């Protein structure tokens, strides 16, 4: 299984404020959707609650120590179904919500999938990097500083090599540029 960590990161390391993105960047949202579609997405409970719905076309695996956690109901008020660890999982492209008690349990559970994306938040990113679990970083590097209360972890750039970059310059509507960048770990598990 390939584990890719995907995030949009401001120049000063900010990734969020008050459980939301501190910028409006439609190109990044489209890139995120295109990149993760059909693959399981793994996230902490707070990240899921900030989205407040399952991402369609993806198996949404939520990490929480709260064994009784339940996702918010559907807009019509009906309950969302939740797959509990360690039962069998649907295909990665099926829209579903699953609950795992830890990052390592979730990764063991997802071991049969070819590609999994870790989508946040800060604590989960930090643990995955510190534990050497990440094969690839897929970052939108925003060339601007933003105020925020959630930060991307400091990572050892010596342990990764840049494999792809697409630059997007500033525009009249958006006075700062951004780059889509991929980094592969030097000690890749593959």
N, C-alpha and C. Protein backbone atom coordinates (compact mmCIF):
# COMPACT_ATOMS: atom_id res chain seq x y z
N UNK A 1 0.83 -1.18 0.00
CA UNK A 1 0.00 0.00 0.00
C UNK A 1 0.88 1.25 0.00
N UNK A 2 0.53 2.20 -0.83
CA UNK A 2 1.24 3.48 -0.87
C UNK A 2 0.44 4.47 -0.03
N UNK A 3 1.11 5.12 0.94
CA UNK A 3 0.46 6.14 1.77
C UNK A 3 0.97 7.50 1.34
N UNK A 4 0.04 8.31 0.83
CA UNK A 4 0.37 9.68 0.43
C UNK A 4 -0.27 10.64 1.41
N UNK A 5 0.50 11.57 1.89
CA UNK A 5 0.00 12.63 2.75
C UNK A 5 -0.31 13.80 1.83
N UNK A 6 -1.55 14.31 1.85
CA UNK A 6 -1.94 15.41 0.97
C UNK A 6 -2.41 16.58 1.82
N UNK A 7 -1.92 17.78 1.48
CA UNK A 7 -2.27 18.97 2.24
C UNK A 7 -2.00 20.22 1.42
N UNK A 8 -2.72 21.29 1.75
CA UNK A 8 -2.40 22.63 1.27
C UNK A 8 -1.75 23.35 2.43
N UNK A 9 -0.57 23.94 2.17
CA UNK A 9 0.23 24.51 3.24
C UNK A 9 0.67 25.92 2.86
N UNK A 10 0.39 26.87 3.74
CA UNK A 10 0.85 28.25 3.52
C UNK A 10 2.35 28.33 3.75
N UNK A 11 2.96 29.38 3.28
CA UNK A 11 4.41 29.58 3.41
C UNK A 11 4.85 29.52 4.87
N UNK A 12 4.00 29.98 5.80
CA UNK A 12 4.34 29.95 7.22
C UNK A 12 3.87 28.67 7.92
N UNK A 13 3.48 27.65 7.14
CA UNK A 13 3.12 26.35 7.69
C UNK A 13 1.67 26.19 8.10
N UNK A 14 0.87 27.23 7.99
CA UNK A 14 -0.54 27.16 8.38
C UNK A 14 -1.31 26.26 7.41
N UNK A 15 -2.18 25.42 8.00
CA UNK A 15 -3.08 24.58 7.18
C UNK A 15 -4.54 24.80 7.53
N UNK A 16 -4.82 25.53 8.62
CA UNK A 16 -6.21 25.75 8.99
C UNK A 16 -6.37 26.79 10.07
N UNK A 17 -7.61 27.26 10.20
CA UNK A 17 -8.00 28.17 11.28
C UNK A 17 -9.45 27.88 11.63
N UNK A 18 -9.71 27.69 12.90
CA UNK A 18 -11.08 27.41 13.37
C UNK A 18 -11.72 26.26 12.59
N UNK A 19 -10.96 25.19 12.35
CA UNK A 19 -11.44 23.99 11.64
C UNK A 19 -11.93 24.27 10.22
N UNK A 20 -11.30 25.22 9.56
CA UNK A 20 -11.60 25.50 8.15
C UNK A 20 -10.32 25.96 7.47
N UNK A 21 -10.36 26.02 6.15
CA UNK A 21 -9.21 26.51 5.40
C UNK A 21 -9.18 28.04 5.48
N UNK A 22 -8.02 28.64 5.66
CA UNK A 22 -7.95 30.10 5.77
C UNK A 22 -7.90 30.82 4.41
N UNK A 23 -8.06 30.10 3.33
CA UNK A 23 -8.01 30.67 1.99
C UNK A 23 -9.11 30.05 1.16
N UNK A 24 -9.41 30.72 0.04
CA UNK A 24 -10.34 30.16 -0.95
C UNK A 24 -9.52 29.91 -2.21
N UNK A 25 -9.32 28.63 -2.51
CA UNK A 25 -8.47 28.26 -3.64
C UNK A 25 -9.15 27.13 -4.42
N UNK A 26 -10.08 27.48 -5.31
CA UNK A 26 -10.82 26.45 -6.05
C UNK A 26 -9.93 25.48 -6.81
N UNK A 27 -8.79 25.96 -7.31
CA UNK A 27 -7.88 25.08 -8.05
C UNK A 27 -7.36 23.96 -7.14
N UNK A 28 -7.10 24.29 -5.88
CA UNK A 28 -6.62 23.27 -4.95
C UNK A 28 -7.72 22.28 -4.63
N UNK A 29 -8.94 22.75 -4.44
CA UNK A 29 -10.05 21.83 -4.15
C UNK A 29 -10.27 20.86 -5.32
N UNK A 30 -10.17 21.38 -6.54
CA UNK A 30 -10.31 20.52 -7.72
C UNK A 30 -9.17 19.52 -7.81
N UNK A 31 -7.94 19.97 -7.52
CA UNK A 31 -6.77 19.09 -7.53
C UNK A 31 -6.93 18.00 -6.48
N UNK A 32 -7.36 18.38 -5.27
CA UNK A 32 -7.56 17.42 -4.19
C UNK A 32 -8.58 16.36 -4.61
N UNK A 33 -9.69 16.79 -5.16
CA UNK A 33 -10.74 15.85 -5.58
C UNK A 33 -10.23 14.90 -6.66
N UNK A 34 -9.58 15.47 -7.67
CA UNK A 34 -9.06 14.65 -8.77
C UNK A 34 -8.02 13.65 -8.29
N UNK A 35 -7.17 14.08 -7.37
CA UNK A 35 -6.07 13.24 -6.89
C UNK A 35 -6.55 12.10 -6.01
N UNK A 36 -7.54 12.37 -5.15
CA UNK A 36 -7.97 11.37 -4.17
C UNK A 36 -9.17 10.53 -4.61
N UNK A 37 -9.84 10.92 -5.68
CA UNK A 37 -11.07 10.22 -6.09
C UNK A 37 -10.80 8.73 -6.31
N UNK A 38 -11.67 7.91 -5.74
CA UNK A 38 -11.58 6.46 -5.90
C UNK A 38 -10.66 5.78 -4.91
N UNK A 39 -9.93 6.57 -4.11
CA UNK A 39 -9.00 6.01 -3.12
C UNK A 39 -9.55 6.26 -1.71
N UNK A 40 -9.22 5.39 -0.76
CA UNK A 40 -9.59 5.68 0.62
C UNK A 40 -8.88 6.95 1.11
N UNK A 41 -9.60 7.75 1.89
CA UNK A 41 -9.01 8.92 2.54
C UNK A 41 -9.08 8.69 4.04
N UNK A 42 -7.98 8.96 4.69
CA UNK A 42 -7.81 8.70 6.12
C UNK A 42 -7.66 10.04 6.81
N UNK A 43 -8.39 10.24 7.92
CA UNK A 43 -8.36 11.54 8.59
C UNK A 43 -8.68 11.40 10.07
N UNK A 44 -8.27 12.41 10.82
CA UNK A 44 -8.65 12.50 12.22
C UNK A 44 -10.11 12.92 12.33
N UNK A 45 -10.68 12.70 13.50
CA UNK A 45 -12.09 13.02 13.75
C UNK A 45 -12.39 14.51 13.52
N UNK A 46 -11.52 15.39 14.01
CA UNK A 46 -11.76 16.82 13.86
C UNK A 46 -11.77 17.23 12.39
N UNK A 47 -10.90 16.64 11.60
CA UNK A 47 -10.89 16.93 10.16
C UNK A 47 -12.21 16.49 9.53
N UNK A 48 -12.68 15.27 9.88
CA UNK A 48 -13.96 14.82 9.33
C UNK A 48 -15.07 15.79 9.75
N UNK A 49 -15.09 16.18 11.01
CA UNK A 49 -16.16 17.05 11.50
C UNK A 49 -16.10 18.43 10.85
N UNK A 50 -14.92 18.89 10.44
CA UNK A 50 -14.84 20.17 9.74
C UNK A 50 -15.43 20.06 8.33
N UNK A 51 -15.32 18.89 7.72
CA UNK A 51 -15.94 18.64 6.40
C UNK A 51 -17.43 18.39 6.59
N UNK A 52 -17.77 17.66 7.65
CA UNK A 52 -19.13 17.38 8.10
C UNK A 52 -19.96 16.51 7.15
N UNK A 53 -19.29 15.76 6.31
CA UNK A 53 -19.97 14.81 5.43
C UNK A 53 -18.90 13.92 4.81
N UNK A 54 -19.27 12.73 4.37
CA UNK A 54 -18.27 11.90 3.69
C UNK A 54 -17.93 12.49 2.33
N UNK A 55 -16.68 12.42 1.96
CA UNK A 55 -16.28 12.84 0.62
C UNK A 55 -16.77 11.79 -0.37
N UNK A 56 -17.57 12.20 -1.35
CA UNK A 56 -18.14 11.22 -2.28
C UNK A 56 -17.08 10.52 -3.12
N UNK A 57 -17.36 9.27 -3.47
CA UNK A 57 -16.47 8.49 -4.33
C UNK A 57 -15.23 8.02 -3.63
N UNK A 58 -15.24 8.07 -2.30
CA UNK A 58 -14.08 7.67 -1.52
C UNK A 58 -14.54 7.00 -0.22
N UNK A 59 -13.79 6.00 0.21
CA UNK A 59 -13.98 5.42 1.52
C UNK A 59 -13.34 6.39 2.51
N UNK A 60 -14.12 6.93 3.45
CA UNK A 60 -13.66 7.91 4.43
C UNK A 60 -13.40 7.19 5.74
N UNK A 61 -12.13 7.05 6.12
CA UNK A 61 -11.77 6.38 7.36
C UNK A 61 -11.40 7.44 8.39
N UNK A 62 -12.16 7.46 9.48
CA UNK A 62 -11.98 8.45 10.54
C UNK A 62 -11.25 7.78 11.70
N UNK A 63 -10.22 8.46 12.20
CA UNK A 63 -9.48 7.96 13.36
C UNK A 63 -10.00 8.68 14.60
N UNK A 64 -10.45 7.90 15.57
CA UNK A 64 -10.91 8.48 16.83
C UNK A 64 -10.77 7.47 17.95
N UNK A 65 -10.35 7.95 19.11
CA UNK A 65 -10.31 7.08 20.29
C UNK A 65 -11.70 6.96 20.91
N UNK A 66 -12.65 7.78 20.45
CA UNK A 66 -14.02 7.72 20.95
C UNK A 66 -14.76 6.59 20.23
N UNK A 67 -14.84 5.44 20.88
CA UNK A 67 -15.45 4.26 20.24
C UNK A 67 -16.94 4.48 19.93
N UNK A 68 -17.59 5.41 20.61
CA UNK A 68 -19.02 5.66 20.39
C UNK A 68 -19.27 6.83 19.44
N UNK A 69 -18.20 7.34 18.78
CA UNK A 69 -18.36 8.48 17.87
C UNK A 69 -19.31 8.11 16.73
N UNK A 70 -20.14 9.07 16.35
CA UNK A 70 -21.04 8.91 15.22
C UNK A 70 -20.94 10.14 14.33
N UNK A 71 -20.98 9.97 13.01
CA UNK A 71 -20.96 11.12 12.12
C UNK A 71 -22.27 11.89 12.21
N UNK A 72 -22.22 13.17 11.86
CA UNK A 72 -23.44 13.98 11.84
C UNK A 72 -24.46 13.35 10.90
N UNK A 73 -25.75 13.52 11.19
CA UNK A 73 -26.77 12.94 10.32
C UNK A 73 -26.77 13.57 8.93
N UNK A 74 -27.43 12.90 8.02
CA UNK A 74 -27.61 13.42 6.66
C UNK A 74 -28.48 14.68 6.72
N UNK A 75 -28.47 15.49 5.65
CA UNK A 75 -29.29 16.71 5.65
C UNK A 75 -30.78 16.46 5.94
N UNK A 76 -31.28 15.28 5.58
CA UNK A 76 -32.69 14.97 5.85
C UNK A 76 -32.92 14.50 7.28
N UNK A 77 -31.83 14.45 8.09
CA UNK A 77 -31.95 14.06 9.49
C UNK A 77 -31.72 12.58 9.75
N UNK A 78 -31.65 11.78 8.70
CA UNK A 78 -31.43 10.34 8.91
C UNK A 78 -29.96 10.07 9.25
N UNK A 79 -29.75 8.99 9.96
CA UNK A 79 -28.39 8.63 10.40
C UNK A 79 -27.54 8.15 9.23
N UNK A 80 -26.26 8.44 9.32
CA UNK A 80 -25.29 7.91 8.34
C UNK A 80 -24.79 6.58 8.88
N UNK A 81 -24.63 5.61 8.00
CA UNK A 81 -24.11 4.32 8.45
C UNK A 81 -22.61 4.44 8.67
N UNK A 82 -22.12 3.67 9.62
CA UNK A 82 -20.72 3.73 10.02
C UNK A 82 -20.18 2.32 10.10
N UNK A 83 -19.06 2.07 9.42
CA UNK A 83 -18.40 0.78 9.47
C UNK A 83 -17.40 0.83 10.63
N UNK A 84 -17.48 -0.11 11.53
CA UNK A 84 -16.60 -0.13 12.70
C UNK A 84 -15.42 -1.06 12.47
N UNK A 85 -14.25 -0.62 12.89
CA UNK A 85 -13.05 -1.44 12.86
C UNK A 85 -13.30 -2.68 13.70
N UNK A 86 -12.91 -3.86 13.31
CA UNK A 86 -12.12 -4.29 12.15
C UNK A 86 -12.95 -5.07 11.12
N UNK A 87 -14.21 -4.73 10.91
CA UNK A 87 -15.01 -5.46 9.92
C UNK A 87 -14.48 -5.21 8.51
N UNK A 88 -14.99 -5.95 7.53
CA UNK A 88 -14.48 -5.79 6.17
C UNK A 88 -14.93 -4.45 5.59
N UNK A 89 -14.10 -3.93 4.70
CA UNK A 89 -14.32 -2.61 4.11
C UNK A 89 -14.81 -2.73 2.67
N UNK A 90 -15.59 -1.75 2.19
CA UNK A 90 -15.99 -1.74 0.79
C UNK A 90 -14.82 -1.29 -0.09
N UNK A 91 -15.05 -1.25 -1.38
CA UNK A 91 -14.03 -0.77 -2.31
C UNK A 91 -13.68 0.68 -2.00
N UNK A 92 -12.48 1.12 -2.40
CA UNK A 92 -12.03 2.48 -2.12
C UNK A 92 -12.87 3.55 -2.76
N UNK A 93 -13.52 3.26 -3.91
CA UNK A 93 -14.33 4.26 -4.60
C UNK A 93 -15.76 4.31 -4.11
N UNK A 94 -16.13 3.46 -3.16
CA UNK A 94 -17.47 3.49 -2.60
C UNK A 94 -17.54 4.58 -1.53
N UNK A 95 -18.58 5.41 -1.59
CA UNK A 95 -18.75 6.43 -0.55
C UNK A 95 -19.21 5.74 0.72
N UNK A 96 -18.38 5.81 1.75
CA UNK A 96 -18.70 5.17 3.02
C UNK A 96 -17.87 5.84 4.11
N UNK A 97 -18.31 5.66 5.36
CA UNK A 97 -17.58 6.18 6.52
C UNK A 97 -17.21 5.00 7.40
N UNK A 98 -15.94 4.94 7.78
CA UNK A 98 -15.45 3.88 8.66
C UNK A 98 -14.74 4.53 9.84
N UNK A 99 -14.73 3.84 10.97
CA UNK A 99 -14.12 4.36 12.19
C UNK A 99 -13.04 3.41 12.67
N UNK A 100 -11.82 3.96 12.87
CA UNK A 100 -10.70 3.17 13.37
C UNK A 100 -10.18 3.83 14.66
N UNK A 101 -9.66 3.02 15.59
CA UNK A 101 -9.24 3.58 16.88
C UNK A 101 -7.87 4.26 16.88
N UNK A 102 -7.07 4.05 15.83
CA UNK A 102 -5.73 4.65 15.79
C UNK A 102 -5.23 4.67 14.35
N UNK A 103 -4.19 5.45 14.12
CA UNK A 103 -3.59 5.52 12.79
C UNK A 103 -3.06 4.15 12.37
N UNK A 104 -2.33 3.48 13.26
CA UNK A 104 -1.75 2.18 12.90
C UNK A 104 -2.84 1.13 12.65
N UNK A 105 -3.90 1.14 13.44
CA UNK A 105 -5.01 0.21 13.20
C UNK A 105 -5.65 0.50 11.85
N UNK A 106 -5.84 1.77 11.54
CA UNK A 106 -6.44 2.14 10.25
C UNK A 106 -5.58 1.66 9.09
N UNK A 107 -4.27 1.85 9.19
CA UNK A 107 -3.38 1.43 8.11
C UNK A 107 -3.36 -0.09 7.97
N UNK A 108 -3.39 -0.81 9.07
CA UNK A 108 -3.50 -2.28 9.00
C UNK A 108 -4.79 -2.68 8.30
N UNK A 109 -5.86 -2.00 8.65
CA UNK A 109 -7.19 -2.27 8.10
C UNK A 109 -7.22 -2.00 6.59
N UNK A 110 -6.49 -0.98 6.16
CA UNK A 110 -6.49 -0.56 4.75
C UNK A 110 -5.39 -1.23 3.93
N UNK A 111 -4.70 -2.18 4.51
CA UNK A 111 -3.53 -2.78 3.87
C UNK A 111 -3.81 -3.38 2.49
N UNK A 112 -5.03 -3.80 2.22
CA UNK A 112 -5.36 -4.40 0.93
C UNK A 112 -5.56 -3.39 -0.19
N UNK A 113 -5.55 -2.11 0.13
CA UNK A 113 -5.74 -1.08 -0.89
C UNK A 113 -4.41 -0.67 -1.48
N UNK A 114 -4.43 -0.31 -2.76
CA UNK A 114 -3.20 0.06 -3.46
C UNK A 114 -2.68 1.42 -3.02
N UNK A 115 -3.61 2.39 -2.83
CA UNK A 115 -3.19 3.77 -2.54
C UNK A 115 -4.16 4.38 -1.54
N UNK A 116 -3.64 4.96 -0.47
CA UNK A 116 -4.43 5.61 0.57
C UNK A 116 -3.89 7.02 0.75
N UNK A 117 -4.81 7.98 0.94
CA UNK A 117 -4.42 9.37 1.17
C UNK A 117 -4.74 9.77 2.59
N UNK A 118 -3.76 10.33 3.27
CA UNK A 118 -3.94 10.88 4.61
C UNK A 118 -4.24 12.37 4.41
N UNK A 119 -5.43 12.83 4.85
CA UNK A 119 -5.86 14.19 4.53
C UNK A 119 -5.90 15.13 5.73
N UNK A 120 -5.46 14.70 6.89
CA UNK A 120 -5.39 15.62 8.03
C UNK A 120 -5.90 15.01 9.30
N UNK A 121 -5.74 15.71 10.34
CA UNK A 121 -5.17 17.01 10.56
C UNK A 121 -3.73 16.93 11.07
N UNK A 122 -3.35 18.00 11.73
CA UNK A 122 -1.96 18.20 12.15
C UNK A 122 -1.40 17.03 12.95
N UNK A 123 -2.16 16.54 13.93
CA UNK A 123 -1.65 15.47 14.78
C UNK A 123 -1.44 14.18 14.00
N UNK A 124 -2.35 13.88 13.09
CA UNK A 124 -2.23 12.66 12.30
C UNK A 124 -1.06 12.78 11.32
N UNK A 125 -0.92 13.97 10.70
CA UNK A 125 0.23 14.20 9.83
C UNK A 125 1.53 13.99 10.59
N UNK A 126 1.61 14.59 11.79
CA UNK A 126 2.83 14.49 12.60
C UNK A 126 3.15 13.04 12.93
N UNK A 127 2.15 12.30 13.38
CA UNK A 127 2.40 10.90 13.74
C UNK A 127 2.87 10.10 12.53
N UNK A 128 2.21 10.28 11.38
CA UNK A 128 2.59 9.52 10.19
C UNK A 128 4.03 9.83 9.76
N UNK A 129 4.42 11.11 9.81
CA UNK A 129 5.79 11.48 9.45
C UNK A 129 6.78 10.97 10.49
N UNK A 130 6.47 11.18 11.77
CA UNK A 130 7.39 10.74 12.83
C UNK A 130 7.60 9.23 12.83
N UNK A 131 6.55 8.48 12.50
CA UNK A 131 6.63 7.01 12.50
C UNK A 131 7.17 6.45 11.19
N UNK A 132 7.51 7.31 10.23
CA UNK A 132 8.07 6.86 8.96
C UNK A 132 7.10 6.09 8.09
N UNK A 133 5.82 6.45 8.14
CA UNK A 133 4.79 5.71 7.42
C UNK A 133 4.50 6.26 6.03
N UNK A 134 4.96 7.46 5.74
CA UNK A 134 4.58 8.19 4.53
C UNK A 134 5.50 7.82 3.37
N UNK A 135 4.88 7.49 2.24
CA UNK A 135 5.64 7.21 1.01
C UNK A 135 5.81 8.46 0.15
N UNK A 136 4.84 9.37 0.27
CA UNK A 136 4.82 10.52 -0.63
C UNK A 136 4.10 11.68 0.05
N UNK A 137 4.58 12.89 -0.21
CA UNK A 137 3.87 14.11 0.17
C UNK A 137 3.31 14.72 -1.10
N UNK A 138 2.04 15.07 -1.08
CA UNK A 138 1.39 15.75 -2.20
C UNK A 138 0.91 17.08 -1.62
N UNK A 139 1.69 18.13 -1.87
CA UNK A 139 1.43 19.41 -1.22
C UNK A 139 1.04 20.49 -2.22
N UNK A 140 0.12 21.31 -1.81
CA UNK A 140 -0.14 22.58 -2.48
C UNK A 140 0.58 23.60 -1.62
N UNK A 141 1.69 24.10 -2.13
CA UNK A 141 2.50 25.06 -1.39
C UNK A 141 2.05 26.47 -1.79
N UNK A 142 1.42 27.14 -0.83
CA UNK A 142 0.86 28.47 -1.08
C UNK A 142 1.92 29.51 -0.73
N UNK A 143 2.23 30.37 -1.66
CA UNK A 143 3.31 31.33 -1.51
C UNK A 143 2.84 32.60 -0.81
N UNK A 144 2.26 32.41 0.38
CA UNK A 144 1.73 33.52 1.16
C UNK A 144 1.60 33.05 2.61
N UNK A 145 1.75 33.97 3.55
CA UNK A 145 1.53 33.67 4.96
C UNK A 145 0.08 33.92 5.32
N UNK A 146 -0.49 33.04 6.13
CA UNK A 146 -1.87 33.18 6.60
C UNK A 146 -1.91 33.02 8.11
N UNK A 147 -2.89 33.66 8.74
CA UNK A 147 -3.14 33.43 10.16
C UNK A 147 -3.81 32.08 10.29
N UNK A 148 -3.49 31.35 11.35
CA UNK A 148 -4.12 30.06 11.56
C UNK A 148 -3.77 29.47 12.89
N UNK A 149 -4.51 28.42 13.26
CA UNK A 149 -4.26 27.73 14.52
C UNK A 149 -3.88 26.26 14.31
N UNK A 150 -3.83 25.84 13.07
CA UNK A 150 -3.38 24.48 12.74
C UNK A 150 -2.21 24.61 11.77
N UNK A 151 -1.15 23.85 12.05
CA UNK A 151 0.07 23.95 11.25
C UNK A 151 0.51 22.59 10.74
N UNK A 152 1.09 22.59 9.57
CA UNK A 152 1.70 21.40 9.02
C UNK A 152 2.96 21.12 9.82
N UNK A 153 3.25 19.85 10.12
CA UNK A 153 4.45 19.57 10.91
C UNK A 153 5.73 19.91 10.14
N UNK A 154 6.73 20.27 10.89
CA UNK A 154 8.05 20.46 10.30
C UNK A 154 8.53 19.08 9.87
N UNK A 155 8.98 18.96 8.63
CA UNK A 155 9.39 17.65 8.13
C UNK A 155 10.82 17.76 7.60
N UNK A 156 11.51 16.65 7.66
CA UNK A 156 12.91 16.58 7.25
C UNK A 156 12.99 16.49 5.73
N UNK A 157 13.27 17.60 5.11
CA UNK A 157 13.33 17.64 3.64
C UNK A 157 14.45 16.78 3.08
N UNK A 158 15.42 16.43 3.92
CA UNK A 158 16.51 15.57 3.48
C UNK A 158 16.03 14.13 3.27
N UNK A 159 14.88 13.78 3.82
CA UNK A 159 14.33 12.43 3.71
C UNK A 159 13.43 12.26 2.49
N UNK A 160 13.23 13.36 1.72
CA UNK A 160 12.34 13.33 0.56
C UNK A 160 13.03 13.98 -0.62
N UNK A 161 12.59 13.60 -1.82
CA UNK A 161 13.08 14.28 -3.02
C UNK A 161 11.87 14.75 -3.82
N UNK A 162 11.99 15.93 -4.37
CA UNK A 162 10.91 16.48 -5.20
C UNK A 162 10.84 15.70 -6.50
N UNK A 163 9.65 15.27 -6.86
CA UNK A 163 9.48 14.49 -8.09
C UNK A 163 8.62 15.20 -9.13
N UNK A 164 7.86 16.21 -8.70
CA UNK A 164 6.96 16.88 -9.65
C UNK A 164 6.57 18.24 -9.08
N UNK A 165 6.50 19.26 -9.95
CA UNK A 165 6.07 20.59 -9.52
C UNK A 165 5.32 21.27 -10.67
N UNK A 166 4.18 21.83 -10.34
CA UNK A 166 3.43 22.68 -11.27
C UNK A 166 3.23 24.02 -10.59
N UNK A 167 3.78 25.07 -11.18
CA UNK A 167 3.69 26.41 -10.59
C UNK A 167 2.48 27.15 -11.13
N UNK A 168 1.83 27.86 -10.25
CA UNK A 168 0.66 28.68 -10.59
C UNK A 168 0.92 30.09 -10.08
N UNK A 169 1.22 31.03 -10.97
CA UNK A 169 1.58 32.38 -10.53
C UNK A 169 0.39 33.15 -9.95
N UNK A 170 0.71 34.26 -9.29
CA UNK A 170 -0.32 35.16 -8.78
C UNK A 170 -1.16 35.69 -9.94
N UNK A 171 -2.37 36.08 -9.64
CA UNK A 171 -3.27 36.66 -10.64
C UNK A 171 -3.87 37.95 -10.07
N UNK A 172 -4.62 38.67 -10.89
CA UNK A 172 -5.28 39.88 -10.41
C UNK A 172 -6.29 39.55 -9.31
N UNK A 173 -6.95 38.41 -9.41
CA UNK A 173 -7.95 38.00 -8.41
C UNK A 173 -7.30 37.39 -7.17
N UNK A 174 -6.12 36.81 -7.33
CA UNK A 174 -5.42 36.13 -6.24
C UNK A 174 -3.98 36.63 -6.24
N UNK A 175 -3.64 37.53 -5.31
CA UNK A 175 -2.32 38.17 -5.36
C UNK A 175 -1.15 37.31 -4.90
N UNK A 176 -1.36 36.03 -4.77
CA UNK A 176 -0.28 35.11 -4.39
C UNK A 176 -0.36 33.86 -5.25
N UNK A 177 0.79 33.30 -5.52
CA UNK A 177 0.86 32.08 -6.32
C UNK A 177 0.89 30.84 -5.44
N UNK A 178 0.86 29.70 -6.08
CA UNK A 178 0.94 28.43 -5.37
C UNK A 178 1.50 27.39 -6.32
N UNK A 179 2.05 26.32 -5.74
CA UNK A 179 2.63 25.23 -6.53
C UNK A 179 2.02 23.91 -6.06
N UNK A 180 1.69 23.05 -7.02
CA UNK A 180 1.37 21.66 -6.70
C UNK A 180 2.70 20.90 -6.74
N UNK A 181 3.08 20.27 -5.61
CA UNK A 181 4.39 19.65 -5.52
C UNK A 181 4.25 18.23 -4.95
N UNK A 182 4.99 17.31 -5.53
CA UNK A 182 5.05 15.95 -5.00
C UNK A 182 6.48 15.66 -4.56
N UNK A 183 6.58 15.01 -3.38
CA UNK A 183 7.86 14.60 -2.83
C UNK A 183 7.77 13.11 -2.52
N UNK A 184 8.76 12.36 -2.93
CA UNK A 184 8.82 10.92 -2.61
C UNK A 184 9.82 10.72 -1.48
N UNK A 185 9.50 9.81 -0.59
CA UNK A 185 10.45 9.51 0.48
C UNK A 185 11.66 8.78 -0.11
N UNK A 186 12.83 9.05 0.45
CA UNK A 186 14.04 8.41 -0.02
C UNK A 186 14.14 6.96 0.43
N UNK A 187 13.46 6.63 1.51
CA UNK A 187 13.46 5.24 1.98
C UNK A 187 12.09 4.62 1.69
N UNK A 188 11.67 4.78 0.44
CA UNK A 188 10.37 4.29 0.01
C UNK A 188 10.22 2.80 0.31
N UNK A 189 9.05 2.43 0.82
CA UNK A 189 8.79 1.04 1.20
C UNK A 189 8.59 0.12 0.00
N UNK A 190 8.35 0.71 -1.17
CA UNK A 190 8.03 -0.10 -2.37
C UNK A 190 9.26 -0.80 -2.89
